[in-house]
């Protein structure tokens, strides 16, 4: 009985370790593929049949275009985020006001319990 309980406790831990090992292997594979793609792209640009000056201009132009797209996306997403925060803040203020109003209302206790809980009041 004791051994069976021990085995039942060890099995999940073993499977968790195996799952973590598989995730680590997948992460290392993904990292290797991304590094390989990056190195391949850089090598392709460097060894392209165009002149170096043309390649540098092309890379500079594409980098500038990408930077402009990133700035536009960040700006529009930032505005949407600010609007969403303002809306949620207004909802929270409304909910807070309702809670405040509800807290200010007097609690009504049953008539029999009020007399029992405060015997000095009589």
PDB file of N, CA and C in Angstrom:
ATOM      1  N   UNK A   1       0.818  -1.185   0.000  1.00  0.00           N
ATOM      2  CA  UNK A   1       0.000   0.000   0.000  1.00  0.00           C
ATOM      3  C   UNK A   1       0.868   1.257   0.000  1.00  0.00           C
ATOM      4  N   UNK A   2       1.887   1.277   0.829  1.00  0.00           N
ATOM      5  CA  UNK A   2       2.777   2.428   0.914  1.00  0.00           C
ATOM      6  C   UNK A   2       3.564   2.588  -0.382  1.00  0.00           C
ATOM      7  N   UNK A   3       4.015   1.480  -0.931  1.00  0.00           N
ATOM      8  CA  UNK A   3       4.795   1.519  -2.169  1.00  0.00           C
ATOM      9  C   UNK A   3       3.909   2.015  -3.307  1.00  0.00           C
ATOM     10  N   UNK A   4       2.667   1.573  -3.344  1.00  0.00           N
ATOM     11  CA  UNK A   4       1.744   1.990  -4.393  1.00  0.00           C
ATOM     12  C   UNK A   4       1.510   3.514  -4.322  1.00  0.00           C
ATOM     13  N   UNK A   5       1.339   4.036  -3.116  1.00  0.00           N
ATOM     14  CA  UNK A   5       1.158   5.485  -2.951  1.00  0.00           C
ATOM     15  C   UNK A   5       2.399   6.237  -3.409  1.00  0.00           C
ATOM     16  N   UNK A   6       3.553   5.707  -3.075  1.00  0.00           N
ATOM     17  CA  UNK A   6       4.810   6.330  -3.491  1.00  0.00           C
ATOM     18  C   UNK A   6       4.927   6.356  -5.015  1.00  0.00           C
ATOM     19  N   UNK A   7       4.586   5.246  -5.645  1.00  0.00           N
ATOM     20  CA  UNK A   7       4.658   5.153  -7.109  1.00  0.00           C
ATOM     21  C   UNK A   7       3.662   6.130  -7.735  1.00  0.00           C
ATOM     22  N   UNK A   8       2.465   6.229  -7.158  1.00  0.00           N
ATOM     23  CA  UNK A   8       1.467   7.163  -7.682  1.00  0.00           C
ATOM     24  C   UNK A   8       1.932   8.614  -7.575  1.00  0.00           C
ATOM     25  N   UNK A   9       2.745   8.921  -6.580  1.00  0.00           N
ATOM     26  CA  UNK A   9       3.265  10.275  -6.431  1.00  0.00           C
ATOM     27  C   UNK A   9       4.439  10.546  -7.357  1.00  0.00           C
ATOM     28  N   UNK A  10       5.227   9.518  -7.639  1.00  0.00           N
ATOM     29  CA  UNK A  10       6.426   9.681  -8.470  1.00  0.00           C
ATOM     30  C   UNK A  10       6.062   9.782  -9.948  1.00  0.00           C
ATOM     31  N   UNK A  11       5.044   9.062 -10.407  1.00  0.00           N
ATOM     32  CA  UNK A  11       4.686   9.067 -11.826  1.00  0.00           C
ATOM     33  C   UNK A  11       4.374  10.466 -12.360  1.00  0.00           C
ATOM     34  N   UNK A  12       3.519  11.252 -11.694  1.00  0.00           N
ATOM     35  CA  UNK A  12       3.258  12.602 -12.228  1.00  0.00           C
ATOM     36  C   UNK A  12       4.508  13.469 -12.273  1.00  0.00           C
ATOM     37  N   UNK A  13       5.366  13.341 -11.277  1.00  0.00           N
ATOM     38  CA  UNK A  13       6.594  14.138 -11.273  1.00  0.00           C
ATOM     39  C   UNK A  13       7.482  13.742 -12.439  1.00  0.00           C
ATOM     40  N   UNK A  14       7.542  12.465 -12.726  1.00  0.00           N
ATOM     41  CA  UNK A  14       8.361  11.984 -13.834  1.00  0.00           C
ATOM     42  C   UNK A  14       7.794  12.502 -15.154  1.00  0.00           C
ATOM     43  N   UNK A  15       6.472  12.446 -15.320  1.00  0.00           N
ATOM     44  CA  UNK A  15       5.888  12.909 -16.565  1.00  0.00           C
ATOM     45  C   UNK A  15       6.056  14.422 -16.707  1.00  0.00           C
ATOM     46  N   UNK A  16       5.993  15.158 -15.596  1.00  0.00           N
ATOM     47  CA  UNK A  16       6.231  16.602 -15.657  1.00  0.00           C
ATOM     48  C   UNK A  16       7.652  16.905 -16.106  1.00  0.00           C
ATOM     49  N   UNK A  17       8.606  16.147 -15.600  1.00  0.00           N
ATOM     50  CA  UNK A  17      10.008  16.340 -16.021  1.00  0.00           C
ATOM     51  C   UNK A  17      10.171  16.026 -17.501  1.00  0.00           C
ATOM     52  N   UNK A  18       9.505  14.958 -17.964  1.00  0.00           N
ATOM     53  CA  UNK A  18       9.606  14.593 -19.376  1.00  0.00           C
ATOM     54  C   UNK A  18       8.983  15.674 -20.263  1.00  0.00           C
ATOM     55  N   UNK A  19       7.840  16.226 -19.835  1.00  0.00           N
ATOM     56  CA  UNK A  19       7.214  17.296 -20.599  1.00  0.00           C
ATOM     57  C   UNK A  19       8.108  18.530 -20.651  1.00  0.00           C
ATOM     58  N   UNK A  20       8.728  18.863 -19.537  1.00  0.00           N
ATOM     59  CA  UNK A  20       9.629  20.025 -19.496  1.00  0.00           C
ATOM     60  C   UNK A  20      10.827  19.801 -20.409  1.00  0.00           C
ATOM     61  N   UNK A  21      11.347  18.579 -20.424  1.00  0.00           N
ATOM     62  CA  UNK A  21      12.486  18.276 -21.295  1.00  0.00           C
ATOM     63  C   UNK A  21      12.083  18.409 -22.764  1.00  0.00           C
ATOM     64  N   UNK A  22      10.868  17.938 -23.121  1.00  0.00           N
ATOM     65  CA  UNK A  22      10.410  18.069 -24.503  1.00  0.00           C
ATOM     66  C   UNK A  22      10.228  19.536 -24.884  1.00  0.00           C
ATOM     67  N   UNK A  23       9.694  20.342 -23.953  1.00  0.00           N
ATOM     68  CA  UNK A  23       9.532  21.771 -24.228  1.00  0.00           C
ATOM     69  C   UNK A  23      10.884  22.437 -24.437  1.00  0.00           C
ATOM     70  N   UNK A  24      11.868  22.057 -23.607  1.00  0.00           N
ATOM     71  CA  UNK A  24      13.207  22.642 -23.750  1.00  0.00           C
ATOM     72  C   UNK A  24      13.809  22.274 -25.097  1.00  0.00           C
ATOM     73  N   UNK A  25      13.616  21.022 -25.522  1.00  0.00           N
ATOM     74  CA  UNK A  25      14.144  20.602 -26.825  1.00  0.00           C
ATOM     75  C   UNK A  25      13.482  21.375 -27.946  1.00  0.00           C
ATOM     76  N   UNK A  26      12.170  21.578 -27.843  1.00  0.00           N
ATOM     77  CA  UNK A  26      11.453  22.337 -28.875  1.00  0.00           C
ATOM     78  C   UNK A  26      11.921  23.791 -28.897  1.00  0.00           C
ATOM     79  N   UNK A  27      12.162  24.364 -27.721  1.00  0.00           N
ATOM     80  CA  UNK A  27      12.646  25.747 -27.655  1.00  0.00           C
ATOM     81  C   UNK A  27      14.032  25.884 -28.267  1.00  0.00           C
ATOM     82  N   UNK A  28      14.895  24.920 -27.986  1.00  0.00           N
ATOM     83  CA  UNK A  28      16.247  24.953 -28.551  1.00  0.00           C
ATOM     84  C   UNK A  28      16.185  24.797 -30.064  1.00  0.00           C
ATOM     85  N   UNK A  29      15.297  23.922 -30.548  1.00  0.00           N
ATOM     86  CA  UNK A  29      15.149  23.748 -31.991  1.00  0.00           C
ATOM     87  C   UNK A  29      14.658  25.043 -32.637  1.00  0.00           C
ATOM     88  N   UNK A  30      13.663  25.686 -32.042  1.00  0.00           N
ATOM     89  CA  UNK A  30      13.145  26.947 -32.589  1.00  0.00           C
ATOM     90  C   UNK A  30      14.220  28.026 -32.594  1.00  0.00           C
ATOM     91  N   UNK A  31      15.006  28.089 -31.524  1.00  0.00           N
ATOM     92  CA  UNK A  31      16.096  29.060 -31.466  1.00  0.00           C
ATOM     93  C   UNK A  31      17.119  28.784 -32.563  1.00  0.00           C
ATOM     94  N   UNK A  32      17.464  27.524 -32.758  1.00  0.00           N
ATOM     95  CA  UNK A  32      18.427  27.163 -33.804  1.00  0.00           C
ATOM     96  C   UNK A  32      17.922  27.509 -35.191  1.00  0.00           C
ATOM     97  N   UNK A  33      16.638  27.249 -35.434  1.00  0.00           N
ATOM     98  CA  UNK A  33      16.066  27.571 -36.743  1.00  0.00           C
ATOM     99  C   UNK A  33      16.071  29.080 -36.966  1.00  0.00           C
ATOM    100  N   UNK A  34      15.699  29.852 -35.956  1.00  0.00           N
ATOM    101  CA  UNK A  34      15.680  31.311 -36.129  1.00  0.00           C
ATOM    102  C   UNK A  34      17.084  31.873 -36.337  1.00  0.00           C
ATOM    103  N   UNK A  35      18.055  31.347 -35.608  1.00  0.00           N
ATOM    104  CA  UNK A  35      19.443  31.803 -35.807  1.00  0.00           C
ATOM    105  C   UNK A  35      19.911  31.430 -37.206  1.00  0.00           C
ATOM    106  N   UNK A  36      19.583  30.225 -37.643  1.00  0.00           N
ATOM    107  CA  UNK A  36      19.972  29.791 -38.986  1.00  0.00           C
ATOM    108  C   UNK A  36      19.356  30.658 -40.069  1.00  0.00           C
ATOM    109  N   UNK A  37      18.086  30.998 -39.895  1.00  0.00           N
ATOM    110  CA  UNK A  37      17.425  31.867 -40.878  1.00  0.00           C
ATOM    111  C   UNK A  37      18.069  33.246 -40.912  1.00  0.00           C
ATOM    112  N   UNK A  38      18.400  33.771 -39.747  1.00  0.00           N
ATOM    113  CA  UNK A  38      19.029  35.091 -39.684  1.00  0.00           C
ATOM    114  C   UNK A  38      20.394  35.077 -40.358  1.00  0.00           C
ATOM    115  N   UNK A  39      21.185  34.068 -40.049  1.00  0.00           N
ATOM    116  CA  UNK A  39      22.524  33.963 -40.656  1.00  0.00           C
ATOM    117  C   UNK A  39      22.397  33.798 -42.161  1.00  0.00           C
ATOM    118  N   UNK A  40      21.428  32.995 -42.603  1.00  0.00           N
ATOM    119  CA  UNK A  40      21.230  32.799 -44.040  1.00  0.00           C
ATOM    120  C   UNK A  40      20.821  34.083 -44.737  1.00  0.00           C
ATOM    121  N   UNK A  41      19.937  34.850 -44.109  1.00  0.00           N
ATOM    122  CA  UNK A  41      19.506  36.112 -44.713  1.00  0.00           C
ATOM    123  C   UNK A  41      20.657  37.100 -44.805  1.00  0.00           C
ATOM    124  N   UNK A  42      21.450  37.196 -43.745  1.00  0.00           N
ATOM    125  CA  UNK A  42      22.602  38.104 -43.756  1.00  0.00           C
ATOM    126  C   UNK A  42      23.605  37.668 -44.824  1.00  0.00           C
ATOM    127  N   UNK A  43      23.867  36.375 -44.895  1.00  0.00           N
ATOM    128  CA  UNK A  43      24.813  35.877 -45.903  1.00  0.00           C
ATOM    129  C   UNK A  43      24.285  36.144 -47.311  1.00  0.00           C
ATOM    130  N   UNK A  44      22.981  35.977 -47.501  1.00  0.00           N
ATOM    131  CA  UNK A  44      22.400  36.239 -48.821  1.00  0.00           C
ATOM    132  C   UNK A  44      22.538  37.692 -49.216  1.00  0.00           C
ATOM    133  N   UNK A  45      22.353  38.583 -48.261  1.00  0.00           N
ATOM    134  CA  UNK A  45      22.495  40.017 -48.556  1.00  0.00           C
ATOM    135  C   UNK A  45      23.951  40.361 -48.845  1.00  0.00           C
ATOM    136  N   UNK A  46      24.847  39.806 -48.048  1.00  0.00           N
ATOM    137  CA  UNK A  46      26.267  40.143 -48.213  1.00  0.00           C
ATOM    138  C   UNK A  46      26.860  39.586 -49.506  1.00  0.00           C
ATOM    139  N   UNK A  47      26.394  38.428 -49.917  1.00  0.00           N
ATOM    140  CA  UNK A  47      26.971  37.801 -51.105  1.00  0.00           C
ATOM    141  C   UNK A  47      26.098  37.958 -52.340  1.00  0.00           C
ATOM    142  N   UNK A  48      25.194  38.904 -52.309  1.00  0.00           N
ATOM    143  CA  UNK A  48      24.312  39.157 -53.450  1.00  0.00           C
ATOM    144  C   UNK A  48      25.131  39.732 -54.608  1.00  0.00           C
ATOM    145  N   UNK A  49      24.657  39.533 -55.834  1.00  0.00           N
ATOM    146  CA  UNK A  49      25.429  40.016 -56.989  1.00  0.00           C
ATOM    147  C   UNK A  49      25.392  41.530 -57.182  1.00  0.00           C
ATOM    148  N   UNK A  50      24.627  42.248 -56.403  1.00  0.00           N
ATOM    149  CA  UNK A  50      24.604  43.704 -56.527  1.00  0.00           C
ATOM    150  C   UNK A  50      25.871  44.312 -55.932  1.00  0.00           C
ATOM    151  N   UNK A  51      26.078  45.556 -56.282  1.00  0.00           N
ATOM    152  CA  UNK A  51      27.205  46.282 -55.702  1.00  0.00           C
ATOM    153  C   UNK A  51      26.906  46.581 -54.238  1.00  0.00           C
ATOM    154  N   UNK A  52      27.951  46.735 -53.451  1.00  0.00           N
ATOM    155  CA  UNK A  52      27.798  47.000 -52.028  1.00  0.00           C
ATOM    156  C   UNK A  52      27.001  48.258 -51.739  1.00  0.00           C
ATOM    157  N   UNK A  53      27.234  49.290 -52.550  1.00  0.00           N
ATOM    158  CA  UNK A  53      26.533  50.550 -52.343  1.00  0.00           C
ATOM    159  C   UNK A  53      25.032  50.359 -52.563  1.00  0.00           C
ATOM    160  N   UNK A  54      24.659  49.644 -53.621  1.00  0.00           N
ATOM    161  CA  UNK A  54      23.243  49.387 -53.901  1.00  0.00           C
ATOM    162  C   UNK A  54      22.604  48.572 -52.774  1.00  0.00           C
ATOM    163  N   UNK A  55      23.323  47.595 -52.290  1.00  0.00           N
ATOM    164  CA  UNK A  55      22.805  46.745 -51.218  1.00  0.00           C
ATOM    165  C   UNK A  55      22.597  47.556 -49.948  1.00  0.00           C
ATOM    166  N   UNK A  56      23.577  48.393 -49.608  1.00  0.00           N
ATOM    167  CA  UNK A  56      23.446  49.220 -48.406  1.00  0.00           C
ATOM    168  C   UNK A  56      22.272  50.187 -48.519  1.00  0.00           C
ATOM    169  N   UNK A  57      22.078  50.798 -49.689  1.00  0.00           N
ATOM    170  CA  UNK A  57      20.947  51.691 -49.893  1.00  0.00           C
ATOM    171  C   UNK A  57      19.624  50.946 -49.760  1.00  0.00           C
ATOM    172  N   UNK A  58      19.578  49.751 -50.342  1.00  0.00           N
ATOM    173  CA  UNK A  58      18.368  48.939 -50.268  1.00  0.00           C
ATOM    174  C   UNK A  58      18.045  48.568 -48.813  1.00  0.00           C
ATOM    175  N   UNK A  59      19.059  48.137 -48.078  1.00  0.00           N
ATOM    176  CA  UNK A  59      18.861  47.772 -46.671  1.00  0.00           C
ATOM    177  C   UNK A  59      18.443  49.000 -45.864  1.00  0.00           C
ATOM    178  N   UNK A  60      19.059  50.135 -46.118  1.00  0.00           N
ATOM    179  CA  UNK A  60      18.726  51.366 -45.412  1.00  0.00           C
ATOM    180  C   UNK A  60      17.287  51.780 -45.701  1.00  0.00           C
ATOM    181  N   UNK A  61      16.890  51.721 -46.967  1.00  0.00           N
ATOM    182  CA  UNK A  61      15.536  52.101 -47.356  1.00  0.00           C
ATOM    183  C   UNK A  61      14.503  51.184 -46.686  1.00  0.00           C
ATOM    184  N   UNK A  62      14.741  49.892 -46.745  1.00  0.00           N
ATOM    185  CA  UNK A  62      13.801  48.943 -46.135  1.00  0.00           C
ATOM    186  C   UNK A  62      13.766  49.098 -44.611  1.00  0.00           C
ATOM    187  N   UNK A  63      14.902  49.374 -44.021  1.00  0.00           N
ATOM    188  CA  UNK A  63      14.931  49.612 -42.579  1.00  0.00           C
ATOM    189  C   UNK A  63      14.123  50.837 -42.194  1.00  0.00           C
ATOM    190  N   UNK A  64      14.243  51.904 -42.992  1.00  0.00           N
ATOM    191  CA  UNK A  64      13.470  53.128 -42.735  1.00  0.00           C
ATOM    192  C   UNK A  64      11.976  52.869 -42.886  1.00  0.00           C
ATOM    193  N   UNK A  65      11.599  52.113 -43.922  1.00  0.00           N
ATOM    194  CA  UNK A  65      10.181  51.784 -44.120  1.00  0.00           C
ATOM    195  C   UNK A  65       9.649  50.966 -42.948  1.00  0.00           C
ATOM    196  N   UNK A  66      10.430  49.990 -42.514  1.00  0.00           N
ATOM    197  CA  UNK A  66      10.002  49.150 -41.390  1.00  0.00           C
ATOM    198  C   UNK A  66       9.869  49.992 -40.121  1.00  0.00           C
ATOM    199  N   UNK A  67      10.805  50.910 -39.917  1.00  0.00           N
ATOM    200  CA  UNK A  67      10.760  51.766 -38.724  1.00  0.00           C
ATOM    201  C   UNK A  67       9.504  52.645 -38.742  1.00  0.00           C
ATOM    202  N   UNK A  68       9.149  53.187 -39.897  1.00  0.00           N
ATOM    203  CA  UNK A  68       7.944  54.012 -40.007  1.00  0.00           C
ATOM    204  C   UNK A  68       6.694  53.193 -39.713  1.00  0.00           C
ATOM    205  N   UNK A  69       6.647  51.951 -40.224  1.00  0.00           N
ATOM    206  CA  UNK A  69       5.498  51.088 -39.945  1.00  0.00           C
ATOM    207  C   UNK A  69       5.404  50.778 -38.455  1.00  0.00           C
ATOM    208  N   UNK A  70       6.536  50.527 -37.840  1.00  0.00           N
ATOM    209  CA  UNK A  70       6.548  50.231 -36.399  1.00  0.00           C
ATOM    210  C   UNK A  70       6.038  51.438 -35.623  1.00  0.00           C
ATOM    211  N   UNK A  71       6.521  52.640 -35.965  1.00  0.00           N
ATOM    212  CA  UNK A  71       6.073  53.845 -35.264  1.00  0.00           C
ATOM    213  C   UNK A  71       4.576  54.050 -35.432  1.00  0.00           C
ATOM    214  N   UNK A  72       4.051  53.840 -36.647  1.00  0.00           N
ATOM    215  CA  UNK A  72       2.621  54.006 -36.882  1.00  0.00           C
ATOM    216  C   UNK A  72       1.807  53.000 -36.068  1.00  0.00           C
ATOM    217  N   UNK A  73       2.265  51.744 -36.062  1.00  0.00           N
ATOM    218  CA  UNK A  73       1.552  50.719 -35.308  1.00  0.00           C
ATOM    219  C   UNK A  73       1.569  51.015 -33.813  1.00  0.00           C
ATOM    220  N   UNK A  74       2.710  51.412 -33.304  1.00  0.00           N
ATOM    221  CA  UNK A  74       2.815  51.717 -31.875  1.00  0.00           C
ATOM    222  C   UNK A  74       1.924  52.903 -31.527  1.00  0.00           C
ATOM    223  N   UNK A  75       1.911  53.904 -32.387  1.00  0.00           N
ATOM    224  CA  UNK A  75       1.090  55.086 -32.132  1.00  0.00           C
ATOM    225  C   UNK A  75      -0.394  54.728 -32.116  1.00  0.00           C
ATOM    226  N   UNK A  76      -0.860  54.008 -33.132  1.00  0.00           N
ATOM    227  CA  UNK A  76      -2.286  53.674 -33.185  1.00  0.00           C
ATOM    228  C   UNK A  76      -2.672  52.725 -32.051  1.00  0.00           C
ATOM    229  N   UNK A  77      -1.821  51.760 -31.751  1.00  0.00           N
ATOM    230  CA  UNK A  77      -2.119  50.847 -30.646  1.00  0.00           C
ATOM    231  C   UNK A  77      -2.074  51.580 -29.311  1.00  0.00           C
ATOM    232  N   UNK A  78      -1.190  52.549 -29.187  1.00  0.00           N
ATOM    233  CA  UNK A  78      -1.113  53.342 -27.965  1.00  0.00           C
ATOM    234  C   UNK A  78      -2.386  54.147 -27.753  1.00  0.00           C
ATOM    235  N   UNK A  79      -2.896  54.740 -28.817  1.00  0.00           N
ATOM    236  CA  UNK A  79      -4.144  55.503 -28.707  1.00  0.00           C
ATOM    237  C   UNK A  79      -5.303  54.592 -28.323  1.00  0.00           C
ATOM    238  N   UNK A  80      -5.353  53.407 -28.935  1.00  0.00           N
ATOM    239  CA  UNK A  80      -6.424  52.459 -28.590  1.00  0.00           C
ATOM    240  C   UNK A  80      -6.305  52.009 -27.145  1.00  0.00           C
ATOM    241  N   UNK A  81      -5.089  51.809 -26.690  1.00  0.00           N
ATOM    242  CA  UNK A  81      -4.877  51.390 -25.309  1.00  0.00           C
ATOM    243  C   UNK A  81      -5.320  52.471 -24.335  1.00  0.00           C
ATOM    244  N   UNK A  82      -4.991  53.723 -24.631  1.00  0.00           N
ATOM    245  CA  UNK A  82      -5.396  54.830 -23.763  1.00  0.00           C
ATOM    246  C   UNK A  82      -6.918  54.927 -23.710  1.00  0.00           C
ATOM    247  N   UNK A  83      -7.583  54.786 -24.858  1.00  0.00           N
ATOM    248  CA  UNK A  83      -9.039  54.836 -24.882  1.00  0.00           C
ATOM    249  C   UNK A  83      -9.643  53.706 -24.060  1.00  0.00           C
ATOM    250  N   UNK A  84      -9.096  52.498 -24.203  1.00  0.00           N
ATOM    251  CA  UNK A  84      -9.614  51.355 -23.448  1.00  0.00           C
ATOM    252  C   UNK A  84      -9.427  51.566 -21.948  1.00  0.00           C
ATOM    253  N   UNK A  85      -8.291  52.120 -21.561  1.00  0.00           N
ATOM    254  CA  UNK A  85      -8.031  52.372 -20.137  1.00  0.00           C
ATOM    255  C   UNK A  85      -8.991  53.426 -19.606  1.00  0.00           C
ATOM    256  N   UNK A  86      -9.244  54.472 -20.390  1.00  0.00           N
ATOM    257  CA  UNK A  86     -10.182  55.511 -19.961  1.00  0.00           C
ATOM    258  C   UNK A  86     -11.588  54.942 -19.796  1.00  0.00           C
ATOM    259  N   UNK A  87     -12.010  54.079 -20.744  1.00  0.00           N
ATOM    260  CA  UNK A  87     -13.339  53.465 -20.647  1.00  0.00           C
ATOM    261  C   UNK A  87     -13.453  52.589 -19.413  1.00  0.00           C
ATOM    262  N   UNK A  88     -12.448  51.761 -19.184  1.00  0.00           N
ATOM    263  CA  UNK A  88     -12.474  50.871 -18.018  1.00  0.00           C
ATOM    264  C   UNK A  88     -12.402  51.681 -16.729  1.00  0.00           C
ATOM    265  N   UNK A  89     -11.661  52.768 -16.737  1.00  0.00           N
ATOM    266  CA  UNK A  89     -11.584  53.632 -15.566  1.00  0.00           C
ATOM    267  C   UNK A  89     -12.936  54.252 -15.252  1.00  0.00           C
ATOM    268  N   UNK A  90     -13.654  54.665 -16.287  1.00  0.00           N
ATOM    269  CA  UNK A  90     -14.985  55.228 -16.077  1.00  0.00           C
ATOM    270  C   UNK A  90     -15.931  54.166 -15.507  1.00  0.00           C
ATOM    271  N   UNK A  91     -15.835  52.948 -16.022  1.00  0.00           N
ATOM    272  CA  UNK A  91     -16.674  51.862 -15.491  1.00  0.00           C
ATOM    273  C   UNK A  91     -16.337  51.595 -14.028  1.00  0.00           C
ATOM    274  N   UNK A  92     -15.061  51.617 -13.704  1.00  0.00           N
ATOM    275  CA  UNK A  92     -14.655  51.391 -12.314  1.00  0.00           C
ATOM    276  C   UNK A  92     -15.141  52.508 -11.407  1.00  0.00           C
ATOM    277  N   UNK A  93     -15.093  53.750 -11.888  1.00  0.00           N
ATOM    278  CA  UNK A  93     -15.586  54.874 -11.085  1.00  0.00           C
ATOM    279  C   UNK A  93     -17.079  54.731 -10.828  1.00  0.00           C
ATOM    280  N   UNK A  94     -17.820  54.334 -11.851  1.00  0.00           N
ATOM    281  CA  UNK A  94     -19.258  54.135 -11.693  1.00  0.00           C
ATOM    282  C   UNK A  94     -19.533  53.016 -10.698  1.00  0.00           C
ATOM    283  N   UNK A  95     -18.811  51.911 -10.828  1.00  0.00           N
ATOM    284  CA  UNK A  95     -19.002  50.787  -9.906  1.00  0.00           C
ATOM    285  C   UNK A  95     -18.603  51.187  -8.491  1.00  0.00           C
ATOM    286  N   UNK A  96     -17.546  51.964  -8.354  1.00  0.00           N
ATOM    287  CA  UNK A  96     -17.109  52.427  -7.043  1.00  0.00           C
ATOM    288  C   UNK A  96     -18.137  53.335  -6.399  1.00  0.00           C
ATOM    289  N   UNK A  97     -18.749  54.201  -7.200  1.00  0.00           N
ATOM    290  CA  UNK A  97     -19.783  55.095  -6.676  1.00  0.00           C
ATOM    291  C   UNK A  97     -20.991  54.292  -6.202  1.00  0.00           C
ATOM    292  N   UNK A  98     -21.356  53.264  -6.970  1.00  0.00           N
ATOM    293  CA  UNK A  98     -22.484  52.421  -6.557  1.00  0.00           C
ATOM    294  C   UNK A  98     -22.173  51.704  -5.250  1.00  0.00           C
ATOM    295  N   UNK A  99     -20.947  51.199  -5.136  1.00  0.00           N
ATOM    296  CA  UNK A  99     -20.543  50.521  -3.899  1.00  0.00           C
ATOM    297  C   UNK A  99     -20.534  51.492  -2.729  1.00  0.00           C
ATOM    298  N   UNK A 100     -20.080  52.705  -2.973  1.00  0.00           N
ATOM    299  CA  UNK A 100     -20.046  53.725  -1.920  1.00  0.00           C
ATOM    300  C   UNK A 100     -21.455  54.053  -1.456  1.00  0.00           C
ATOM    301  N   UNK A 101     -22.367  54.204  -2.420  1.00  0.00           N
ATOM    302  CA  UNK A 101     -23.766  54.480  -2.070  1.00  0.00           C
ATOM    303  C   UNK A 101     -24.374  53.321  -1.283  1.00  0.00           C
ATOM    304  N   UNK A 102     -24.067  52.115  -1.713  1.00  0.00           N
ATOM    305  CA  UNK A 102     -24.611  50.947  -1.021  1.00  0.00           C
ATOM    306  C   UNK A 102     -24.040  50.839   0.386  1.00  0.00           C
ATOM    307  N   UNK A 103     -22.790  51.221   0.574  1.00  0.00           N
ATOM    308  CA  UNK A 103     -22.169  51.146   1.895  1.00  0.00           C
ATOM    309  C   UNK A 103     -22.733  52.195   2.839  1.00  0.00           C
ATOM    310  N   UNK A 104     -23.198  53.309   2.302  1.00  0.00           N
ATOM    311  CA  UNK A 104     -23.741  54.375   3.141  1.00  0.00           C
ATOM    312  C   UNK A 104     -25.163  54.079   3.617  1.00  0.00           C
ATOM    313  N   UNK A 105     -25.855  53.172   2.920  1.00  0.00           N
ATOM    314  CA  UNK A 105     -27.206  52.824   3.339  1.00  0.00           C
ATOM    315  C   UNK A 105     -27.135  52.067   4.658  1.00  0.00           C
ATOM    316  N   UNK A 106     -28.028  52.381   5.583  1.00  0.00           N
ATOM    317  CA  UNK A 106     -27.992  51.679   6.875  1.00  0.00           C
ATOM    318  C   UNK A 106     -28.412  50.228   6.710  1.00  0.00           C
ATOM    319  N   UNK A 107     -27.759  49.388   7.469  1.00  0.00           N
ATOM    320  CA  UNK A 107     -28.117  47.978   7.462  1.00  0.00           C
ATOM    321  C   UNK A 107     -29.340  47.784   8.336  1.00  0.00           C
ATOM    322  N   UNK A 108     -30.251  47.001   7.874  1.00  0.00           N
ATOM    323  CA  UNK A 108     -31.452  46.746   8.655  1.00  0.00           C
ATOM    324  C   UNK A 108     -31.363  45.355   9.240  1.00  0.00           C
ATOM    325  N   UNK A 109     -31.334  45.284  10.568  1.00  0.00           N
ATOM    326  CA  UNK A 109     -31.268  44.001  11.247  1.00  0.00           C
ATOM    327  C   UNK A 109     -32.683  43.574  11.607  1.00  0.00           C
ATOM    328  N   UNK A 110     -32.893  42.277  11.727  1.00  0.00           N
ATOM    329  CA  UNK A 110     -34.197  41.823  12.206  1.00  0.00           C
ATOM    330  C   UNK A 110     -34.460  42.385  13.596  1.00  0.00           C
ATOM    331  N   UNK A 111     -35.687  42.705  13.924  1.00  0.00           N
ATOM    332  CA  UNK A 111     -36.021  43.388  15.174  1.00  0.00           C
ATOM    333  C   UNK A 111     -35.673  42.570  16.399  1.00  0.00           C
ATOM    334  N   UNK A 112     -35.792  41.289  16.369  1.00  0.00           N
ATOM    335  CA  UNK A 112     -35.497  40.462  17.537  1.00  0.00           C
ATOM    336  C   UNK A 112     -34.017  40.408  17.863  1.00  0.00           C
ATOM    337  N   UNK A 113     -33.151  40.385  16.864  1.00  0.00           N
ATOM    338  CA  UNK A 113     -31.716  40.283  17.081  1.00  0.00           C
ATOM    339  C   UNK A 113     -31.131  41.585  17.599  1.00  0.00           C
ATOM    340  N   UNK A 114     -31.685  42.710  17.250  1.00  0.00           N
ATOM    341  CA  UNK A 114     -31.142  44.002  17.666  1.00  0.00           C
ATOM    342  C   UNK A 114     -31.262  44.147  19.181  1.00  0.00           C
ATOM    343  N   UNK A 115     -32.335  43.682  19.742  1.00  0.00           N
ATOM    344  CA  UNK A 115     -32.528  43.791  21.184  1.00  0.00           C
ATOM    345  C   UNK A 115     -31.623  42.826  21.936  1.00  0.00           C
ATOM    346  N   UNK A 116     -31.403  41.634  21.380  1.00  0.00           N
ATOM    347  CA  UNK A 116     -30.562  40.639  22.040  1.00  0.00           C
ATOM    348  C   UNK A 116     -29.100  41.023  21.974  1.00  0.00           C
ATOM    349  N   UNK A 117     -28.661  41.627  20.872  1.00  0.00           N
ATOM    350  CA  UNK A 117     -27.250  41.923  20.724  1.00  0.00           C
ATOM    351  C   UNK A 117     -26.830  43.126  21.549  1.00  0.00           C
ATOM    352  N   UNK A 118     -27.745  44.003  21.931  1.00  0.00           N
ATOM    353  CA  UNK A 118     -27.402  45.192  22.684  1.00  0.00           C
ATOM    354  C   UNK A 118     -28.340  45.302  23.906  1.00  0.00           C
ATOM    355  N   UNK A 119     -28.043  44.540  24.964  1.00  0.00           N
ATOM    356  CA  UNK A 119     -28.954  44.519  26.110  1.00  0.00           C
ATOM    357  C   UNK A 119     -28.923  45.844  26.898  1.00  0.00           C
ATOM    358  N   UNK A 120     -27.885  46.642  26.830  1.00  0.00           N
ATOM    359  CA  UNK A 120     -27.792  47.896  27.582  1.00  0.00           C
ATOM    360  C   UNK A 120     -28.668  48.986  26.975  1.00  0.00           C
ATOM    361  N   UNK A 121     -29.101  48.818  25.734  1.00  0.00           N
ATOM    362  CA  UNK A 121     -29.901  49.838  25.074  1.00  0.00           C
ATOM    363  C   UNK A 121     -31.276  49.977  25.720  1.00  0.00           C
ATOM    364  N   UNK A 122     -31.786  48.959  26.415  1.00  0.00           N
ATOM    365  CA  UNK A 122     -33.116  49.022  27.015  1.00  0.00           C
ATOM    366  C   UNK A 122     -33.136  49.778  28.301  1.00  0.00           C
TER     367      UNK A 122
END
